[in-house]
Amino acid sequence: MYTHTRALMFCNYLSFRSYLYLHLYFFTGAVVALLFNHNKIFNNLTRNLLGGGSGLAVYDYGRGERLTTQYPAYVNNRPLFFIQTVTPTSEIYSKINSALSAQRTEIVSLSVAASVIAIAVLVIARLFLKLIV
């Protein structure tokens, strides 16, 4: 159905085995469909890409949730090459969580510092008022 000459796939963060599965898709679609657990989202996404459409999807084919983004590369107004990147969402979530953790630490530190400064200002103001009166 699909030939390997029609597609060039760059896959980031895929093991060689997973890349081999994607490569096999163009030779024996039934075998790879089994390996990807007949995932309709992945199949529709790849079919859309080979038809010249861009897109993205989040799916799980049994090896963890993945985010796939794709775009065709046009030559002479025809989709001749295809770029599809697959990234485990756990990687994305871990980077987001580390950034949020750093942000939370900063906010807590600023809150504590602001509270200490406010208390110090109140204590100093009270001492100053006692000296005046």
C-alpha atoms as a PDB file:
ATOM      1  CA  MET A   1       0.000   0.000   0.000  1.00  0.00           C
ATOM      2  CA  TYR A   2       2.711   2.497   1.023  1.00  0.00           C
ATOM      3  CA  THR A   3       6.217   2.294  -0.323  1.00  0.00           C
ATOM      4  CA  HIS A   4       9.328   3.196   1.604  1.00  0.00           C
ATOM      5  CA  THR A   5      10.447   5.552  -1.182  1.00  0.00           C
ATOM      6  CA  ARG A   6       7.505   7.861  -0.467  1.00  0.00           C
ATOM      7  CA  ALA A   7       8.386   8.485   3.133  1.00  0.00           C
ATOM      8  CA  LEU A   8      11.338   9.749   5.078  1.00  0.00           C
ATOM      9  CA  MET A   9      10.689   9.649   8.767  1.00  0.00           C
ATOM     10  CA  PHE A  10      12.775  11.298  11.410  1.00  0.00           C
ATOM     11  CA  CYS A  11      11.877   9.920  14.801  1.00  0.00           C
ATOM     12  CA  ASN A  12      13.295  11.515  17.889  1.00  0.00           C
ATOM     13  CA  TYR A  13      13.604   9.489  21.040  1.00  0.00           C
ATOM     14  CA  LEU A  14      12.683   6.197  19.497  1.00  0.00           C
ATOM     15  CA  SER A  15      14.693   3.081  20.067  1.00  0.00           C
ATOM     16  CA  PHE A  16      16.114   1.372  17.018  1.00  0.00           C
ATOM     17  CA  ARG A  17      13.492  -1.307  17.495  1.00  0.00           C
ATOM     18  CA  SER A  18      10.641   1.222  17.364  1.00  0.00           C
ATOM     19  CA  TYR A  19      12.239   2.919  14.354  1.00  0.00           C
ATOM     20  CA  LEU A  20      12.428  -0.481  12.705  1.00  0.00           C
ATOM     21  CA  TYR A  21       8.708  -0.958  13.352  1.00  0.00           C
ATOM     22  CA  LEU A  22       7.971   2.353  11.650  1.00  0.00           C
ATOM     23  CA  HIS A  23      10.207   1.387   8.751  1.00  0.00           C
ATOM     24  CA  LEU A  24       8.479  -1.990   8.475  1.00  0.00           C
ATOM     25  CA  TYR A  25       5.134  -0.185   8.250  1.00  0.00           C
ATOM     26  CA  PHE A  26       5.921   0.641   4.652  1.00  0.00           C
ATOM     27  CA  PHE A  27       6.644  -2.984   3.789  1.00  0.00           C
ATOM     28  CA  THR A  28       4.226  -5.042   5.874  1.00  0.00           C
ATOM     29  CA  GLY A  29       1.459  -2.888   7.298  1.00  0.00           C
ATOM     30  CA  ALA A  30      -0.288  -5.833   8.972  1.00  0.00           C
ATOM     31  CA  VAL A  31       2.789  -6.767  11.021  1.00  0.00           C
ATOM     32  CA  VAL A  32       3.304  -3.249  12.291  1.00  0.00           C
ATOM     33  CA  ALA A  33      -0.402  -2.790  12.916  1.00  0.00           C
ATOM     34  CA  LEU A  34      -0.091  -5.694  15.347  1.00  0.00           C
ATOM     35  CA  LEU A  35       2.989  -4.166  16.961  1.00  0.00           C
ATOM     36  CA  PHE A  36       1.156  -0.860  17.445  1.00  0.00           C
ATOM     37  CA  ASN A  37      -1.903  -2.737  18.736  1.00  0.00           C
ATOM     38  CA  HIS A  38      -3.996  -1.593  15.762  1.00  0.00           C
ATOM     39  CA  ASN A  39      -3.964   1.924  17.211  1.00  0.00           C
ATOM     40  CA  LYS A  40      -6.520   3.856  15.170  1.00  0.00           C
ATOM     41  CA  ILE A  41      -5.137   7.255  16.133  1.00  0.00           C
ATOM     42  CA  PHE A  42      -1.615   6.364  14.971  1.00  0.00           C
ATOM     43  CA  ASN A  43      -2.896   4.707  11.791  1.00  0.00           C
ATOM     44  CA  ASN A  44      -5.141   7.661  10.900  1.00  0.00           C
ATOM     45  CA  LEU A  45      -2.354  10.116  11.666  1.00  0.00           C
ATOM     46  CA  THR A  46       0.113   8.284   9.433  1.00  0.00           C
ATOM     47  CA  ARG A  47      -2.481   7.831   6.681  1.00  0.00           C
ATOM     48  CA  ASN A  48      -3.224  11.578   6.868  1.00  0.00           C
ATOM     49  CA  LEU A  49       0.507  12.356   6.639  1.00  0.00           C
ATOM     50  CA  LEU A  50       1.031  10.140   3.604  1.00  0.00           C
ATOM     51  CA  GLY A  51      -1.977  11.867   2.027  1.00  0.00           C
ATOM     52  CA  GLY A  52      -0.197  15.220   2.402  1.00  0.00           C
ATOM     53  CA  GLY A  53      -1.734  16.456   5.656  1.00  0.00           C
ATOM     54  CA  SER A  54       0.027  17.802   8.720  1.00  0.00           C
ATOM     55  CA  GLY A  55      -1.111  17.187  12.248  1.00  0.00           C
ATOM     56  CA  LEU A  56      -0.462  16.019  15.763  1.00  0.00           C
ATOM     57  CA  ALA A  57      -1.907  13.462  18.141  1.00  0.00           C
ATOM     58  CA  VAL A  58      -1.432  11.930  21.560  1.00  0.00           C
ATOM     59  CA  TYR A  59      -1.900   8.169  21.741  1.00  0.00           C
ATOM     60  CA  ASP A  60      -0.783   5.076  23.632  1.00  0.00           C
ATOM     61  CA  TYR A  61      -0.021   1.859  21.797  1.00  0.00           C
ATOM     62  CA  GLY A  62       0.980  -0.109  24.879  1.00  0.00           C
ATOM     63  CA  ARG A  63       4.468   1.307  25.433  1.00  0.00           C
ATOM     64  CA  GLY A  64       3.449   4.566  27.077  1.00  0.00           C
ATOM     65  CA  GLU A  65       1.736   7.708  25.888  1.00  0.00           C
ATOM     66  CA  ARG A  66       3.326   9.420  22.866  1.00  0.00           C
ATOM     67  CA  LEU A  67       2.978  12.820  21.203  1.00  0.00           C
ATOM     68  CA  THR A  68       3.426  12.687  17.441  1.00  0.00           C
ATOM     69  CA  THR A  69       3.756  15.754  15.251  1.00  0.00           C
ATOM     70  CA  GLN A  70       4.062  15.535  11.499  1.00  0.00           C
ATOM     71  CA  TYR A  71       4.377  17.617   8.380  1.00  0.00           C
ATOM     72  CA  PRO A  72       4.817  16.763   4.689  1.00  0.00           C
ATOM     73  CA  ALA A  73       7.650  18.301   2.680  1.00  0.00           C
ATOM     74  CA  TYR A  74       6.452  19.401  -0.741  1.00  0.00           C
ATOM     75  CA  VAL A  75       8.527  19.134  -3.914  1.00  0.00           C
ATOM     76  CA  ASN A  76       6.941  20.549  -7.074  1.00  0.00           C
ATOM     77  CA  ASN A  77       3.666  21.011  -5.183  1.00  0.00           C
ATOM     78  CA  ARG A  78       3.539  17.306  -4.285  1.00  0.00           C
ATOM     79  CA  PRO A  79       4.098  15.814  -0.835  1.00  0.00           C
ATOM     80  CA  LEU A  80       7.257  13.852  -1.524  1.00  0.00           C
ATOM     81  CA  PHE A  81       8.923  13.577   1.894  1.00  0.00           C
ATOM     82  CA  PHE A  82       7.348  13.267   5.303  1.00  0.00           C
ATOM     83  CA  ILE A  83       8.630  14.293   8.719  1.00  0.00           C
ATOM     84  CA  GLN A  84       7.078  12.673  11.746  1.00  0.00           C
ATOM     85  CA  THR A  85       8.498  13.174  15.245  1.00  0.00           C
ATOM     86  CA  VAL A  86       7.424  10.952  18.101  1.00  0.00           C
ATOM     87  CA  THR A  87       8.122  12.018  21.680  1.00  0.00           C
ATOM     88  CA  PRO A  88       7.115  10.241  24.883  1.00  0.00           C
ATOM     89  CA  THR A  89       4.810  12.536  26.835  1.00  0.00           C
ATOM     90  CA  SER A  90       6.603  11.485  30.033  1.00  0.00           C
ATOM     91  CA  GLU A  91       9.653  13.430  28.801  1.00  0.00           C
ATOM     92  CA  ILE A  92       7.559  16.510  28.151  1.00  0.00           C
ATOM     93  CA  TYR A  93       5.789  16.210  31.505  1.00  0.00           C
ATOM     94  CA  SER A  94       9.070  15.767  33.400  1.00  0.00           C
ATOM     95  CA  LYS A  95      10.513  18.936  31.862  1.00  0.00           C
ATOM     96  CA  ILE A  96       7.320  20.840  32.628  1.00  0.00           C
ATOM     97  CA  ASN A  97       7.256  19.482  36.188  1.00  0.00           C
ATOM     98  CA  SER A  98      10.867  20.493  36.828  1.00  0.00           C
ATOM     99  CA  ALA A  99      10.161  24.003  35.532  1.00  0.00           C
ATOM    100  CA  LEU A 100       7.015  24.247  37.674  1.00  0.00           C
ATOM    101  CA  SER A 101       8.897  22.947  40.700  1.00  0.00           C
ATOM    102  CA  ALA A 102      11.550  25.640  40.290  1.00  0.00           C
ATOM    103  CA  GLN A 103       8.803  28.253  39.911  1.00  0.00           C
ATOM    104  CA  ARG A 104       7.010  27.001  43.054  1.00  0.00           C
ATOM    105  CA  THR A 105      10.267  27.150  45.040  1.00  0.00           C
ATOM    106  CA  GLU A 106      10.833  30.711  43.885  1.00  0.00           C
ATOM    107  CA  ILE A 107       7.297  31.768  44.807  1.00  0.00           C
ATOM    108  CA  VAL A 108       7.520  30.183  48.274  1.00  0.00           C
ATOM    109  CA  SER A 109      10.900  31.835  48.883  1.00  0.00           C
ATOM    110  CA  LEU A 110       9.547  35.226  47.845  1.00  0.00           C
ATOM    111  CA  SER A 111       6.446  34.756  50.021  1.00  0.00           C
ATOM    112  CA  VAL A 112       8.547  33.885  53.069  1.00  0.00           C
ATOM    113  CA  ALA A 113      10.892  36.827  52.444  1.00  0.00           C
ATOM    114  CA  ALA A 114       7.950  39.212  51.993  1.00  0.00           C
ATOM    115  CA  SER A 115       6.362  37.936  55.226  1.00  0.00           C
ATOM    116  CA  VAL A 116       9.614  38.372  57.181  1.00  0.00           C
ATOM    117  CA  ILE A 117      10.049  41.903  55.810  1.00  0.00           C
ATOM    118  CA  ALA A 118       6.433  42.794  56.636  1.00  0.00           C
ATOM    119  CA  ILE A 119       6.809  41.505  60.204  1.00  0.00           C
ATOM    120  CA  ALA A 120      10.112  43.367  60.605  1.00  0.00           C
ATOM    121  CA  VAL A 121       8.512  46.609  59.379  1.00  0.00           C
ATOM    122  CA  LEU A 122       5.620  46.174  61.857  1.00  0.00           C
ATOM    123  CA  VAL A 123       8.004  45.497  64.762  1.00  0.00           C
ATOM    124  CA  ILE A 124      10.171  48.493  63.883  1.00  0.00           C
ATOM    125  CA  ALA A 125       7.092  50.698  63.476  1.00  0.00           C
ATOM    126  CA  ARG A 126       5.781  49.615  66.881  1.00  0.00           C
ATOM    127  CA  LEU A 127       9.148  50.290  68.532  1.00  0.00           C
ATOM    128  CA  PHE A 128       9.326  53.671  66.841  1.00  0.00           C
ATOM    129  CA  LEU A 129       5.793  54.554  68.009  1.00  0.00           C
ATOM    130  CA  LYS A 130       6.699  53.580  71.629  1.00  0.00           C
ATOM    131  CA  LEU A 131       9.720  55.889  71.514  1.00  0.00           C
ATOM    132  CA  ILE A 132       7.623  58.803  70.298  1.00  0.00           C
ATOM    133  CA  VAL A 133       4.825  58.388  72.816  1.00  0.00           C
END
